């Protein structure tokens, strides 16, 4: 999805960018090494003193190579020249989930006992709890980083586990289609599906709020990425808000084909596909649409 950030440079067809249209920018590298780590969550930690030149640092360098060669198009990572024990990653929310078109930032830190122990991971929540595994205080609950019991084969294995596996696991297993069932011991009964649908609606609303907060305060070294990404995806995000408000498609199922002839529906709380939309959710989505439009308009002028 994020591969769309690689824009054409054909000068013949350049036109001044308008609101919600992407500027033509050079591709944003999936992996790069930067210098400014000042806003990293673990910038002032002392988990890995005197790491340069150690055996652990060589293993971290191998992690860099794995990331540089194998990152998917929807995950971007920044390493730090003077703090090789730190990484920052952004994951694009997967299509087919309530997290589609969202950006999710994580700060990672290696300790001096790596790779015996996994890197520690902090989630930039912007004060929002939009997934059972991602806490408001930044805690990430995941077997692969040993913050959840899980099965033995799901936990960190010093011989084979990697940072790349951590990031892909968060994208695939945490940011999934039905995050309500991430909670352990929940039966997928008929009534549970009702709760799951309600959870998806709340998760999507929180994603929209996080989008607005990201635009206002993007993490360092990702400022241009955040700006260009939402300039590109703005129209689709606004169209999804309308589709979900009108019940024309279930939250998480927006594909873009629903944009034709979409308008605010005042005659029914149920869309053509019969998806139930409460008056409260409809009102919240309408407000979210207005707030997002304003945020995108301001961003496009910067």
C-alpha atoms as a PDB file:
ATOM      1  CA  UNK A   1       0.000   0.000   0.000  1.00  0.00           C
ATOM      2  CA  UNK A   2       2.750   2.434   0.975  1.00  0.00           C
ATOM      3  CA  UNK A   3       4.509   1.857  -2.327  1.00  0.00           C
ATOM      4  CA  UNK A   4       2.192   4.555  -3.692  1.00  0.00           C
ATOM      5  CA  UNK A   5       4.445   7.078  -1.942  1.00  0.00           C
ATOM      6  CA  UNK A   6       6.909   6.639  -4.825  1.00  0.00           C
ATOM      7  CA  UNK A   7       5.708   9.423  -7.090  1.00  0.00           C
ATOM      8  CA  UNK A   8       6.480  10.127 -10.747  1.00  0.00           C
ATOM      9  CA  UNK A   9       8.933  12.887 -11.619  1.00  0.00           C
ATOM     10  CA  UNK A  10       7.633  13.612 -15.134  1.00  0.00           C
ATOM     11  CA  UNK A  11       7.977  17.397 -15.334  1.00  0.00           C
ATOM     12  CA  UNK A  12       5.624  17.748 -18.316  1.00  0.00           C
ATOM     13  CA  UNK A  13       2.565  16.880 -16.266  1.00  0.00           C
ATOM     14  CA  UNK A  14       3.360  18.728 -13.053  1.00  0.00           C
ATOM     15  CA  UNK A  15       0.552  20.847 -11.638  1.00  0.00           C
ATOM     16  CA  UNK A  16       0.349  22.765  -8.353  1.00  0.00           C
ATOM     17  CA  UNK A  17      -0.822  20.387  -5.588  1.00  0.00           C
ATOM     18  CA  UNK A  18      -4.319  20.981  -4.223  1.00  0.00           C
ATOM     19  CA  UNK A  19      -5.890  19.913  -0.933  1.00  0.00           C
ATOM     20  CA  UNK A  20      -5.744  16.155  -0.395  1.00  0.00           C
ATOM     21  CA  UNK A  21      -3.598  15.639  -3.516  1.00  0.00           C
ATOM     22  CA  UNK A  22      -0.041  14.333  -3.078  1.00  0.00           C
ATOM     23  CA  UNK A  23       2.957  16.494  -3.809  1.00  0.00           C
ATOM     24  CA  UNK A  24       5.509  14.886  -6.079  1.00  0.00           C
ATOM     25  CA  UNK A  25       8.243  13.747  -3.730  1.00  0.00           C
ATOM     26  CA  UNK A  26      11.191  11.389  -3.968  1.00  0.00           C
ATOM     27  CA  UNK A  27      10.564   7.872  -2.674  1.00  0.00           C
ATOM     28  CA  UNK A  28      10.759   7.434   1.083  1.00  0.00           C
ATOM     29  CA  UNK A  29      13.277   4.683   1.747  1.00  0.00           C
ATOM     30  CA  UNK A  30      11.949   1.663   3.595  1.00  0.00           C
ATOM     31  CA  UNK A  31      15.180   1.481   5.598  1.00  0.00           C
ATOM     32  CA  UNK A  32      17.563   4.328   6.289  1.00  0.00           C
ATOM     33  CA  UNK A  33      20.106   5.524   8.854  1.00  0.00           C
ATOM     34  CA  UNK A  34      19.504   8.931  10.458  1.00  0.00           C
ATOM     35  CA  UNK A  35      21.072  11.028  13.203  1.00  0.00           C
ATOM     36  CA  UNK A  36      18.351  12.651  15.315  1.00  0.00           C
ATOM     37  CA  UNK A  37      17.080  10.254  18.000  1.00  0.00           C
ATOM     38  CA  UNK A  38      16.057  12.955  20.485  1.00  0.00           C
ATOM     39  CA  UNK A  39      12.350  12.045  20.612  1.00  0.00           C
ATOM     40  CA  UNK A  40      12.897   8.276  20.703  1.00  0.00           C
ATOM     41  CA  UNK A  41      11.184   6.762  23.738  1.00  0.00           C
ATOM     42  CA  UNK A  42      14.412   5.087  24.858  1.00  0.00           C
ATOM     43  CA  UNK A  43      16.760   7.964  23.972  1.00  0.00           C
ATOM     44  CA  UNK A  44      17.772   8.470  27.601  1.00  0.00           C
ATOM     45  CA  UNK A  45      17.863   4.823  28.582  1.00  0.00           C
ATOM     46  CA  UNK A  46      21.032   2.999  29.538  1.00  0.00           C
ATOM     47  CA  UNK A  47      20.029  -0.484  28.434  1.00  0.00           C
ATOM     48  CA  UNK A  48      23.084  -0.960  26.286  1.00  0.00           C
ATOM     49  CA  UNK A  49      26.124   1.059  27.476  1.00  0.00           C
ATOM     50  CA  UNK A  50      29.264   1.050  25.339  1.00  0.00           C
ATOM     51  CA  UNK A  51      27.606  -0.970  22.594  1.00  0.00           C
ATOM     52  CA  UNK A  52      29.835   0.189  19.734  1.00  0.00           C
ATOM     53  CA  UNK A  53      32.259  -2.519  18.699  1.00  0.00           C
ATOM     54  CA  UNK A  54      30.804  -5.206  20.947  1.00  0.00           C
ATOM     55  CA  UNK A  55      29.700  -8.657  19.822  1.00  0.00           C
ATOM     56  CA  UNK A  56      26.112  -7.571  20.337  1.00  0.00           C
ATOM     57  CA  UNK A  57      26.602  -4.632  17.986  1.00  0.00           C
ATOM     58  CA  UNK A  58      27.621  -7.041  15.223  1.00  0.00           C
ATOM     59  CA  UNK A  59      24.376  -8.936  15.720  1.00  0.00           C
ATOM     60  CA  UNK A  60      22.467  -5.663  15.539  1.00  0.00           C
ATOM     61  CA  UNK A  61      24.204  -4.903  12.248  1.00  0.00           C
ATOM     62  CA  UNK A  62      22.873  -8.218  10.941  1.00  0.00           C
ATOM     63  CA  UNK A  63      19.382  -7.075  11.938  1.00  0.00           C
ATOM     64  CA  UNK A  64      19.928  -3.898   9.913  1.00  0.00           C
ATOM     65  CA  UNK A  65      20.845  -5.934   6.843  1.00  0.00           C
ATOM     66  CA  UNK A  66      17.789  -8.164   7.223  1.00  0.00           C
ATOM     67  CA  UNK A  67      15.528  -5.122   7.469  1.00  0.00           C
ATOM     68  CA  UNK A  68      17.168  -3.323   4.559  1.00  0.00           C
ATOM     69  CA  UNK A  69      16.761  -6.328   2.248  1.00  0.00           C
ATOM     70  CA  UNK A  70      13.407  -7.747   3.333  1.00  0.00           C
ATOM     71  CA  UNK A  71      11.040  -5.048   4.595  1.00  0.00           C
ATOM     72  CA  UNK A  72       7.619  -5.238   2.901  1.00  0.00           C
ATOM     73  CA  UNK A  73       6.224  -2.160   1.180  1.00  0.00           C
ATOM     74  CA  UNK A  74       4.022  -1.360   4.173  1.00  0.00           C
ATOM     75  CA  UNK A  75       6.731  -1.123   6.871  1.00  0.00           C
ATOM     76  CA  UNK A  76       9.423   1.565   7.154  1.00  0.00           C
ATOM     77  CA  UNK A  77      12.334   1.617   9.607  1.00  0.00           C
ATOM     78  CA  UNK A  78      14.896   4.191  10.731  1.00  0.00           C
ATOM     79  CA  UNK A  79      18.127   3.263  12.493  1.00  0.00           C
ATOM     80  CA  UNK A  80      20.402   5.754  14.239  1.00  0.00           C
ATOM     81  CA  UNK A  81      24.035   6.360  13.380  1.00  0.00           C
ATOM     82  CA  UNK A  82      25.122   7.191  16.921  1.00  0.00           C
ATOM     83  CA  UNK A  83      22.677   4.935  18.773  1.00  0.00           C
ATOM     84  CA  UNK A  84      22.689   1.577  17.056  1.00  0.00           C
ATOM     85  CA  UNK A  85      20.732   0.160  19.987  1.00  0.00           C
ATOM     86  CA  UNK A  86      17.626   2.095  18.863  1.00  0.00           C
ATOM     87  CA  UNK A  87      15.190   1.649  15.982  1.00  0.00           C
ATOM     88  CA  UNK A  88      11.943   3.339  14.967  1.00  0.00           C
ATOM     89  CA  UNK A  89       9.368   1.693  12.723  1.00  0.00           C
ATOM     90  CA  UNK A  90       6.059   2.673  11.184  1.00  0.00           C
ATOM     91  CA  UNK A  91       3.557   0.039  10.083  1.00  0.00           C
ATOM     92  CA  UNK A  92       0.797   0.839   7.599  1.00  0.00           C
ATOM     93  CA  UNK A  93      -2.536  -0.538   8.777  1.00  0.00           C
ATOM     94  CA  UNK A  94      -3.528  -3.547   6.641  1.00  0.00           C
ATOM     95  CA  UNK A  95      -6.417  -3.444   4.183  1.00  0.00           C
ATOM     96  CA  UNK A  96      -9.484  -5.401   5.264  1.00  0.00           C
ATOM     97  CA  UNK A  97      -9.123  -4.342   8.908  1.00  0.00           C
ATOM     98  CA  UNK A  98     -10.393  -1.383  10.955  1.00  0.00           C
ATOM     99  CA  UNK A  99      -6.794  -0.130  10.867  1.00  0.00           C
ATOM    100  CA  UNK A 100      -6.611   0.384   7.090  1.00  0.00           C
ATOM    101  CA  UNK A 101      -4.814   3.554   6.012  1.00  0.00           C
ATOM    102  CA  UNK A 102      -3.625   4.211   9.563  1.00  0.00           C
ATOM    103  CA  UNK A 103       0.021   4.667  10.570  1.00  0.00           C
ATOM    104  CA  UNK A 104       1.348   2.915  13.678  1.00  0.00           C
ATOM    105  CA  UNK A 105       4.705   3.926  15.151  1.00  0.00           C
ATOM    106  CA  UNK A 106       6.930   1.789  17.356  1.00  0.00           C
ATOM    107  CA  UNK A 107      10.250   2.495  19.099  1.00  0.00           C
ATOM    108  CA  UNK A 108      12.555  -0.457  19.712  1.00  0.00           C
ATOM    109  CA  UNK A 109      15.663  -0.770  21.879  1.00  0.00           C
ATOM    110  CA  UNK A 110      18.264  -3.522  22.158  1.00  0.00           C
ATOM    111  CA  UNK A 111      19.738  -4.337  25.561  1.00  0.00           C
ATOM    112  CA  UNK A 112      23.207  -5.684  26.346  1.00  0.00           C
ATOM    113  CA  UNK A 113      21.785  -9.230  26.630  1.00  0.00           C
ATOM    114  CA  UNK A 114      20.480  -9.256  23.045  1.00  0.00           C
ATOM    115  CA  UNK A 115      19.787 -11.682  21.363  1.00  0.00           C
ATOM    116  CA  UNK A 116      19.221 -13.802  24.445  1.00  0.00           C
ATOM    117  CA  UNK A 117      16.373 -11.427  25.212  1.00  0.00           C
ATOM    118  CA  UNK A 118      14.270  -9.719  22.527  1.00  0.00           C
ATOM    119  CA  UNK A 119      14.383  -5.963  21.954  1.00  0.00           C
ATOM    120  CA  UNK A 120      11.902  -4.002  24.015  1.00  0.00           C
ATOM    121  CA  UNK A 121       9.112  -2.309  22.076  1.00  0.00           C
ATOM    122  CA  UNK A 122       7.180   0.885  22.776  1.00  0.00           C
ATOM    123  CA  UNK A 123       4.008   1.829  20.892  1.00  0.00           C
ATOM    124  CA  UNK A 124       3.195   5.486  20.170  1.00  0.00           C
ATOM    125  CA  UNK A 125      -0.456   5.414  21.208  1.00  0.00           C
ATOM    126  CA  UNK A 126      -1.096   9.171  21.206  1.00  0.00           C
ATOM    127  CA  UNK A 127      -3.256   8.454  24.246  1.00  0.00           C
ATOM    128  CA  UNK A 128      -5.605   6.033  22.455  1.00  0.00           C
ATOM    129  CA  UNK A 129      -6.372   2.363  23.128  1.00  0.00           C
ATOM    130  CA  UNK A 130      -7.426   0.951  19.766  1.00  0.00           C
ATOM    131  CA  UNK A 131      -6.320  -2.679  20.152  1.00  0.00           C
ATOM    132  CA  UNK A 132      -6.278  -5.189  23.023  1.00  0.00           C
ATOM    133  CA  UNK A 133      -2.532  -5.721  22.490  1.00  0.00           C
ATOM    134  CA  UNK A 134      -1.553  -2.046  22.265  1.00  0.00           C
ATOM    135  CA  UNK A 135      -1.911  -0.108  25.507  1.00  0.00           C
ATOM    136  CA  UNK A 136      -2.302   3.617  26.078  1.00  0.00           C
ATOM    137  CA  UNK A 137       0.986   3.677  28.003  1.00  0.00           C
ATOM    138  CA  UNK A 138       2.861   2.190  25.025  1.00  0.00           C
ATOM    139  CA  UNK A 139       2.992  -1.390  26.276  1.00  0.00           C
ATOM    140  CA  UNK A 140       2.911  -4.004  23.506  1.00  0.00           C
ATOM    141  CA  UNK A 141       1.501  -7.414  24.419  1.00  0.00           C
ATOM    142  CA  UNK A 142       3.063  -9.984  22.093  1.00  0.00           C
ATOM    143  CA  UNK A 143       4.450 -13.479  22.613  1.00  0.00           C
ATOM    144  CA  UNK A 144       7.392 -12.871  20.285  1.00  0.00           C
ATOM    145  CA  UNK A 145       8.799 -10.175  22.574  1.00  0.00           C
ATOM    146  CA  UNK A 146       7.977 -12.209  25.705  1.00  0.00           C
ATOM    147  CA  UNK A 147       5.320  -9.812  26.990  1.00  0.00           C
ATOM    148  CA  UNK A 148       2.667 -12.519  26.705  1.00  0.00           C
ATOM    149  CA  UNK A 149       3.050 -16.178  27.674  1.00  0.00           C
ATOM    150  CA  UNK A 150       1.949 -17.840  24.462  1.00  0.00           C
ATOM    151  CA  UNK A 151       3.199 -21.180  23.222  1.00  0.00           C
ATOM    152  CA  UNK A 152       6.906 -21.979  23.290  1.00  0.00           C
ATOM    153  CA  UNK A 153       7.183 -21.779  19.504  1.00  0.00           C
ATOM    154  CA  UNK A 154       5.542 -18.331  19.568  1.00  0.00           C
ATOM    155  CA  UNK A 155       8.054 -16.805  21.981  1.00  0.00           C
ATOM    156  CA  UNK A 156      11.423 -15.229  21.241  1.00  0.00           C
ATOM    157  CA  UNK A 157      14.033 -17.698  20.037  1.00  0.00           C
ATOM    158  CA  UNK A 158      17.582 -16.213  20.159  1.00  0.00           C
ATOM    159  CA  UNK A 159      18.702 -18.506  17.362  1.00  0.00           C
ATOM    160  CA  UNK A 160      16.137 -17.520  14.728  1.00  0.00           C
ATOM    161  CA  UNK A 161      13.909 -14.621  15.850  1.00  0.00           C
ATOM    162  CA  UNK A 162      14.409 -11.177  14.280  1.00  0.00           C
ATOM    163  CA  UNK A 163      13.115  -7.618  14.430  1.00  0.00           C
ATOM    164  CA  UNK A 164      11.533  -8.156  11.019  1.00  0.00           C
ATOM    165  CA  UNK A 165       9.461 -11.004  12.478  1.00  0.00           C
ATOM    166  CA  UNK A 166       8.359  -8.736  15.317  1.00  0.00           C
ATOM    167  CA  UNK A 167       7.129  -6.022  12.955  1.00  0.00           C
ATOM    168  CA  UNK A 168       5.363  -8.433  10.613  1.00  0.00           C
ATOM    169  CA  UNK A 169       3.739 -10.176  13.591  1.00  0.00           C
ATOM    170  CA  UNK A 170       2.362  -6.865  14.860  1.00  0.00           C
ATOM    171  CA  UNK A 171       0.992  -6.054  11.431  1.00  0.00           C
ATOM    172  CA  UNK A 172      -0.536  -9.478  10.761  1.00  0.00           C
ATOM    173  CA  UNK A 173      -1.515 -10.768  14.206  1.00  0.00           C
ATOM    174  CA  UNK A 174      -2.242  -7.615  16.213  1.00  0.00           C
ATOM    175  CA  UNK A 175      -3.647  -5.245  13.575  1.00  0.00           C
ATOM    176  CA  UNK A 176      -6.028  -7.864  12.241  1.00  0.00           C
ATOM    177  CA  UNK A 177      -9.567  -8.031  10.875  1.00  0.00           C
ATOM    178  CA  UNK A 178     -11.248  -8.815  14.201  1.00  0.00           C
ATOM    179  CA  UNK A 179      -9.074  -7.417  17.017  1.00  0.00           C
ATOM    180  CA  UNK A 180     -11.810  -8.005  19.586  1.00  0.00           C
ATOM    181  CA  UNK A 181     -10.830 -11.674  19.553  1.00  0.00           C
ATOM    182  CA  UNK A 182      -7.219 -10.836  20.413  1.00  0.00           C
ATOM    183  CA  UNK A 183      -8.407 -11.062  23.990  1.00  0.00           C
ATOM    184  CA  UNK A 184      -7.761 -14.599  25.234  1.00  0.00           C
ATOM    185  CA  UNK A 185     -10.533 -17.144  25.805  1.00  0.00           C
ATOM    186  CA  UNK A 186     -13.220 -15.320  23.841  1.00  0.00           C
ATOM    187  CA  UNK A 187     -15.636 -17.621  22.025  1.00  0.00           C
ATOM    188  CA  UNK A 188     -16.571 -16.686  18.473  1.00  0.00           C
ATOM    189  CA  UNK A 189     -20.286 -17.089  19.171  1.00  0.00           C
ATOM    190  CA  UNK A 190     -22.999 -15.154  17.366  1.00  0.00           C
ATOM    191  CA  UNK A 191     -23.303 -12.561  20.130  1.00  0.00           C
ATOM    192  CA  UNK A 192     -19.529 -12.156  20.193  1.00  0.00           C
ATOM    193  CA  UNK A 193     -19.642 -11.063  16.556  1.00  0.00           C
ATOM    194  CA  UNK A 194     -21.884  -8.185  17.602  1.00  0.00           C
ATOM    195  CA  UNK A 195     -19.280  -7.092  20.160  1.00  0.00           C
ATOM    196  CA  UNK A 196     -16.546  -7.546  17.564  1.00  0.00           C
ATOM    197  CA  UNK A 197     -18.354  -5.282  15.111  1.00  0.00           C
ATOM    198  CA  UNK A 198     -18.803  -2.633  17.812  1.00  0.00           C
ATOM    199  CA  UNK A 199     -15.104  -2.905  18.702  1.00  0.00           C
ATOM    200  CA  UNK A 200     -14.130  -2.379  15.055  1.00  0.00           C
ATOM    201  CA  UNK A 201     -16.195   0.797  14.888  1.00  0.00           C
ATOM    202  CA  UNK A 202     -14.517   2.174  17.990  1.00  0.00           C
ATOM    203  CA  UNK A 203     -11.076   1.129  16.734  1.00  0.00           C
ATOM    204  CA  UNK A 204     -11.640   2.917  13.439  1.00  0.00           C
ATOM    205  CA  UNK A 205     -12.777   6.096  15.181  1.00  0.00           C
ATOM    206  CA  UNK A 206      -9.624   6.004  17.308  1.00  0.00           C
ATOM    207  CA  UNK A 207      -7.508   5.464  14.182  1.00  0.00           C
ATOM    208  CA  UNK A 208      -9.002   8.607  12.688  1.00  0.00           C
ATOM    209  CA  UNK A 209      -8.237  10.531  15.873  1.00  0.00           C
ATOM    210  CA  UNK A 210      -4.680   9.227  15.806  1.00  0.00           C
ATOM    211  CA  UNK A 211      -4.346  10.354  12.195  1.00  0.00           C
ATOM    212  CA  UNK A 212      -5.185  13.900  13.240  1.00  0.00           C
ATOM    213  CA  UNK A 213      -2.716  13.785  16.131  1.00  0.00           C
ATOM    214  CA  UNK A 214      -0.010  12.362  13.856  1.00  0.00           C
ATOM    215  CA  UNK A 215      -0.507  15.201  11.390  1.00  0.00           C
ATOM    216  CA  UNK A 216      -0.094  17.714  14.220  1.00  0.00           C
ATOM    217  CA  UNK A 217       2.874  15.964  15.847  1.00  0.00           C
ATOM    218  CA  UNK A 218       4.672  13.463  13.586  1.00  0.00           C
ATOM    219  CA  UNK A 219       7.667  11.535  14.978  1.00  0.00           C
ATOM    220  CA  UNK A 220      11.079  12.847  13.999  1.00  0.00           C
ATOM    221  CA  UNK A 221      12.539  11.608  10.728  1.00  0.00           C
ATOM    222  CA  UNK A 222       9.029  10.747   9.522  1.00  0.00           C
ATOM    223  CA  UNK A 223       7.614  14.261   9.146  1.00  0.00           C
ATOM    224  CA  UNK A 224       7.633  14.260   5.340  1.00  0.00           C
ATOM    225  CA  UNK A 225       6.444  10.671   5.207  1.00  0.00           C
ATOM    226  CA  UNK A 226       3.392  11.432   7.382  1.00  0.00           C
ATOM    227  CA  UNK A 227       2.603  14.583   5.406  1.00  0.00           C
ATOM    228  CA  UNK A 228       2.873  12.916   1.995  1.00  0.00           C
ATOM    229  CA  UNK A 229       1.124   9.726   3.065  1.00  0.00           C
ATOM    230  CA  UNK A 230      -2.014  11.482   4.276  1.00  0.00           C
ATOM    231  CA  UNK A 231      -2.010  13.882   1.344  1.00  0.00           C
ATOM    232  CA  UNK A 232      -2.159  10.805  -0.860  1.00  0.00           C
ATOM    233  CA  UNK A 233      -4.651   8.822   1.218  1.00  0.00           C
ATOM    234  CA  UNK A 234      -6.839  11.714   2.367  1.00  0.00           C
ATOM    235  CA  UNK A 235      -9.611  11.331  -0.185  1.00  0.00           C
ATOM    236  CA  UNK A 236      -9.893   7.606   0.442  1.00  0.00           C
ATOM    237  CA  UNK A 237     -10.006   8.072   4.209  1.00  0.00           C
ATOM    238  CA  UNK A 238     -12.783  10.654   3.924  1.00  0.00           C
ATOM    239  CA  UNK A 239     -14.706   8.388   1.543  1.00  0.00           C
ATOM    240  CA  UNK A 240     -14.397   5.528   4.042  1.00  0.00           C
ATOM    241  CA  UNK A 241     -15.847   7.747   6.777  1.00  0.00           C
ATOM    242  CA  UNK A 242     -18.890   8.415   4.612  1.00  0.00           C
ATOM    243  CA  UNK A 243     -19.344   4.791   3.639  1.00  0.00           C
ATOM    244  CA  UNK A 244     -19.147   3.629   7.249  1.00  0.00           C
ATOM    245  CA  UNK A 245     -21.458   6.395   8.450  1.00  0.00           C
ATOM    246  CA  UNK A 246     -24.113   5.395   5.959  1.00  0.00           C
ATOM    247  CA  UNK A 247     -23.742   1.677   6.621  1.00  0.00           C
ATOM    248  CA  UNK A 248     -22.941   0.954   2.992  1.00  0.00           C
ATOM    249  CA  UNK A 249     -20.043  -1.248   4.058  1.00  0.00           C
ATOM    250  CA  UNK A 250     -18.886  -2.760   7.350  1.00  0.00           C
ATOM    251  CA  UNK A 251     -16.022  -1.056   9.120  1.00  0.00           C
ATOM    252  CA  UNK A 252     -12.764  -2.450   7.798  1.00  0.00           C
ATOM    253  CA  UNK A 253     -14.230  -3.541   4.450  1.00  0.00           C
ATOM    254  CA  UNK A 254     -13.891  -0.255   2.546  1.00  0.00           C
ATOM    255  CA  UNK A 255     -12.071  -0.820  -0.739  1.00  0.00           C
ATOM    256  CA  UNK A 256     -12.545   2.456  -2.585  1.00  0.00           C
ATOM    257  CA  UNK A 257     -15.231   1.247  -4.982  1.00  0.00           C
ATOM    258  CA  UNK A 258     -17.841   2.685  -2.616  1.00  0.00           C
ATOM    259  CA  UNK A 259     -16.789   6.270  -3.417  1.00  0.00           C
ATOM    260  CA  UNK A 260     -19.095   6.699  -6.411  1.00  0.00           C
ATOM    261  CA  UNK A 261     -22.146   8.834  -5.720  1.00  0.00           C
ATOM    262  CA  UNK A 262     -21.501   8.774  -1.985  1.00  0.00           C
ATOM    263  CA  UNK A 263     -23.297  11.408   0.060  1.00  0.00           C
ATOM    264  CA  UNK A 264     -24.512  11.777   3.581  1.00  0.00           C
ATOM    265  CA  UNK A 265     -27.673   9.674   3.981  1.00  0.00           C
ATOM    266  CA  UNK A 266     -30.406  11.166   6.155  1.00  0.00           C
ATOM    267  CA  UNK A 267     -33.232   8.802   5.301  1.00  0.00           C
ATOM    268  CA  UNK A 268     -31.927   5.602   6.814  1.00  0.00           C
ATOM    269  CA  UNK A 269     -29.451   4.349   9.404  1.00  0.00           C
ATOM    270  CA  UNK A 270     -28.938   1.197   7.371  1.00  0.00           C
ATOM    271  CA  UNK A 271     -27.043   1.196   4.098  1.00  0.00           C
ATOM    272  CA  UNK A 272     -27.797  -0.823   1.021  1.00  0.00           C
ATOM    273  CA  UNK A 273     -26.034  -3.867   2.403  1.00  0.00           C
ATOM    274  CA  UNK A 274     -28.116  -3.800   5.600  1.00  0.00           C
ATOM    275  CA  UNK A 275     -25.218  -2.961   7.940  1.00  0.00           C
ATOM    276  CA  UNK A 276     -26.615  -1.460  11.118  1.00  0.00           C
ATOM    277  CA  UNK A 277     -25.427   2.044  11.961  1.00  0.00           C
ATOM    278  CA  UNK A 278     -26.542   3.631  15.207  1.00  0.00           C
ATOM    279  CA  UNK A 279     -27.379   7.313  15.409  1.00  0.00           C
ATOM    280  CA  UNK A 280     -24.464   7.790  17.799  1.00  0.00           C
ATOM    281  CA  UNK A 281     -21.957   6.173  15.466  1.00  0.00           C
ATOM    282  CA  UNK A 282     -23.320   8.120  12.503  1.00  0.00           C
ATOM    283  CA  UNK A 283     -22.948  11.412  14.376  1.00  0.00           C
ATOM    284  CA  UNK A 284     -19.439  10.518  15.502  1.00  0.00           C
ATOM    285  CA  UNK A 285     -18.410   9.626  11.966  1.00  0.00           C
ATOM    286  CA  UNK A 286     -19.844  12.853  10.574  1.00  0.00           C
ATOM    287  CA  UNK A 287     -17.860  14.865  13.129  1.00  0.00           C
ATOM    288  CA  UNK A 288     -14.755  12.790  12.422  1.00  0.00           C
ATOM    289  CA  UNK A 289     -15.155  13.472   8.703  1.00  0.00           C
ATOM    290  CA  UNK A 290     -15.290  17.237   9.336  1.00  0.00           C
ATOM    291  CA  UNK A 291     -12.295  17.143  11.668  1.00  0.00           C
ATOM    292  CA  UNK A 292     -10.242  15.051   9.249  1.00  0.00           C
ATOM    293  CA  UNK A 293     -11.129  17.338   6.345  1.00  0.00           C
ATOM    294  CA  UNK A 294      -9.898  20.322   8.362  1.00  0.00           C
ATOM    295  CA  UNK A 295      -6.685  18.501   9.341  1.00  0.00           C
ATOM    296  CA  UNK A 296      -5.974  17.485   5.737  1.00  0.00           C
ATOM    297  CA  UNK A 297      -6.651  21.027   4.509  1.00  0.00           C
ATOM    298  CA  UNK A 298      -4.175  22.505   7.003  1.00  0.00           C
ATOM    299  CA  UNK A 299      -1.564  19.877   6.159  1.00  0.00           C
ATOM    300  CA  UNK A 300      -1.896  20.524   2.423  1.00  0.00           C
ATOM    301  CA  UNK A 301      -1.000  24.191   2.947  1.00  0.00           C
ATOM    302  CA  UNK A 302       2.253  23.460   4.774  1.00  0.00           C
END
